[in-house]
Protein backbone atom coordinates (compact mmCIF):
# COMPACT_ATOMS: atom_id res chain seq x y z
CA PRO A 1 5.15 0.08 -22.00
CA TYR A 2 7.72 -0.90 -19.38
CA LEU A 3 6.78 -2.47 -16.06
CA GLY A 4 10.01 -1.35 -14.42
CA LEU A 5 11.46 -4.86 -14.68
CA GLY A 6 14.08 -3.89 -17.26
CA ARG A 7 12.17 -5.45 -20.15
CA PRO A 8 9.09 -4.54 -22.16
CA ALA A 9 5.74 -5.80 -20.92
CA LYS A 10 4.48 -8.68 -23.02
CA ALA A 11 0.82 -9.28 -23.78
CA GLY A 12 1.05 -12.51 -21.78
CA ASP A 13 2.09 -10.62 -18.64
CA ILE A 14 -0.88 -8.28 -18.96
CA SER A 15 -3.42 -11.05 -19.52
CA ARG A 16 -1.92 -13.04 -16.64
CA SER A 17 -2.33 -10.12 -14.23
CA ILE A 18 -5.87 -9.53 -15.50
CA ARG A 19 -6.64 -13.19 -14.82
CA LEU A 20 -5.24 -12.85 -11.27
CA ILE A 21 -7.38 -9.76 -10.66
CA GLU A 22 -10.48 -11.57 -11.96
CA LYS A 23 -9.74 -14.52 -9.67
CA ALA A 24 -9.31 -12.23 -6.64
CA LEU A 25 -12.54 -10.38 -7.45
CA LEU A 26 -14.40 -13.69 -7.75
CA VAL A 27 -13.09 -14.81 -4.34
CA TRP A 28 -14.18 -11.51 -2.74
CA LEU A 29 -17.59 -11.77 -4.41
CA ILE A 30 -18.09 -15.26 -2.95
CA ILE A 31 -16.99 -14.13 0.54
CA TYR A 32 -19.25 -11.07 0.32
CA THR A 33 -22.25 -13.16 -0.78
CA ILE A 34 -21.73 -15.71 2.02
CA THR A 35 -21.40 -12.92 4.60
CA ILE A 36 -24.56 -11.13 3.44
CA PHE A 37 -26.47 -14.43 3.31
CA GLY A 38 -25.27 -15.36 6.81
CA LEU A 39 -26.32 -11.99 8.23
CA TYR A 40 -29.69 -12.32 6.49
CA LEU A 41 -30.25 -15.73 8.09
CA LEU A 42 -29.16 -14.47 11.52
CA THR A 43 -31.64 -11.58 11.42
CA GLN A 44 -34.58 -13.79 10.46
């Protein structure tokens, strides 16, 4: 499959983007957890 970069997509490119997505999801999960926990403490 081509990524539109003029060369075929290598397996390394795909795993690298998957790793970036996983990292972004982890960051959002941490932010979400802190926000929920903070709201929970505020409403106590």
